Amino acid sequence: MILSDVEGDLVVPVEAELIRRHRPLWNSVLDGFGNHGPGKGRYNQAISDWDVLHPGRTWAARLTGQANPPKEIEARVRVFFN
């Protein structure tokens, strides 16, 4: 779908309202879903919770910071669904 003119201006507020109403897991519990690779010299950051549970982004494997333990992340996901 291509939105133009006034319709295009509605994308951000409509998305924000959908997130507020439906609280998707990736906007509530798991940080990092929409991440992009960090800039040069910033690979000392921790891997995001999303990337801990969903490995596969090649740039995420190069991050060297301390990630949250998978069991801790999984526990928060279980609480979210209960």
Protein backbone atom coordinates (compact mmCIF):
# COMPACT_ATOMS: atom_id res chain seq x y z
CA MET A 1 0.00 0.00 0.00
CA ILE A 2 1.31 3.42 -0.89
CA LEU A 3 0.02 6.33 1.11
CA SER A 4 0.41 9.86 -0.06
CA ASP A 5 -0.53 13.35 0.99
CA VAL A 6 -2.71 13.43 4.11
CA GLU A 7 -2.87 9.63 4.38
CA GLY A 8 0.90 9.48 4.70
CA ASP A 9 0.72 11.83 7.68
CA LEU A 10 -1.44 9.31 9.51
CA VAL A 11 1.10 6.47 9.56
CA VAL A 12 2.89 7.48 12.76
CA PRO A 13 -0.18 8.24 14.90
CA VAL A 14 -2.02 5.14 13.69
CA GLU A 15 0.99 2.92 14.39
CA ALA A 16 1.38 4.47 17.85
CA GLU A 17 -2.29 3.82 18.64
CA LEU A 18 -2.09 0.20 17.47
CA ILE A 19 0.96 -0.38 19.67
CA ARG A 20 -0.75 1.26 22.65
CA ARG A 21 -3.93 -0.79 22.24
CA HIS A 22 -2.46 -4.17 21.44
CA ARG A 23 0.87 -4.04 23.28
CA PRO A 24 2.77 -6.41 20.96
CA LEU A 25 5.48 -8.45 22.62
CA TRP A 26 8.24 -6.79 20.58
CA ASN A 27 7.20 -3.34 21.80
CA SER A 28 6.52 -4.34 25.39
CA VAL A 29 9.00 -6.96 26.54
CA LEU A 30 11.62 -7.68 23.88
CA ASP A 31 13.81 -4.74 23.02
CA GLY A 32 15.61 -4.76 19.72
CA PHE A 33 13.06 -5.99 17.16
CA GLY A 34 13.55 -2.99 14.87
CA ASN A 35 17.27 -2.54 15.50
CA HIS A 36 19.74 -1.83 12.75
CA GLY A 37 23.45 -2.52 12.89
CA PRO A 38 25.31 -0.05 15.10
CA GLY A 39 27.64 2.48 13.62
CA LYS A 40 31.37 1.99 13.36
CA GLY A 41 33.06 1.65 16.73
CA ARG A 42 29.82 0.87 18.59
CA TYR A 43 30.01 -2.93 18.70
CA ASN A 44 30.70 -2.85 22.43
CA GLN A 45 26.92 -2.73 23.00
CA ALA A 46 25.01 -5.70 24.37
CA ILE A 47 23.03 -7.88 22.02
CA SER A 48 19.32 -7.06 22.27
CA ASP A 49 16.83 -9.35 23.99
CA TRP A 50 15.21 -9.93 20.58
CA ASP A 51 18.52 -11.11 19.11
CA VAL A 52 19.23 -13.36 22.09
CA LEU A 53 15.99 -15.25 21.44
CA HIS A 54 16.07 -14.87 17.62
CA PRO A 55 19.68 -15.15 16.49
CA GLY A 56 20.54 -14.69 12.86
CA ARG A 57 21.34 -11.05 12.20
CA THR A 58 24.99 -11.19 11.23
CA TRP A 59 25.84 -7.82 12.72
CA ALA A 60 24.34 -8.81 16.10
CA ALA A 61 26.82 -11.66 16.45
CA ARG A 62 29.64 -9.07 16.51
CA LEU A 63 28.29 -7.23 19.57
CA THR A 64 30.50 -7.73 22.61
CA GLY A 65 28.50 -6.26 25.50
CA GLN A 66 26.86 -8.38 28.20
CA ALA A 67 23.48 -9.68 27.03
CA ASN A 68 20.60 -10.56 29.33
CA PRO A 69 20.49 -14.29 30.05
CA PRO A 70 18.02 -16.19 27.82
CA LYS A 71 16.20 -17.69 30.82
CA GLU A 72 15.56 -14.20 32.24
CA ILE A 73 14.17 -12.99 28.92
CA GLU A 74 12.04 -16.11 28.54
CA ALA A 75 10.62 -15.59 32.05
CA ARG A 76 9.51 -12.06 31.12
CA VAL A 77 7.87 -13.41 27.96
CA ARG A 78 5.97 -16.02 30.01
CA VAL A 79 4.74 -13.32 32.41
CA PHE A 80 3.60 -11.24 29.44
CA PHE A 81 1.40 -14.07 28.15
CA ASN A 82 -0.05 -15.01 31.53
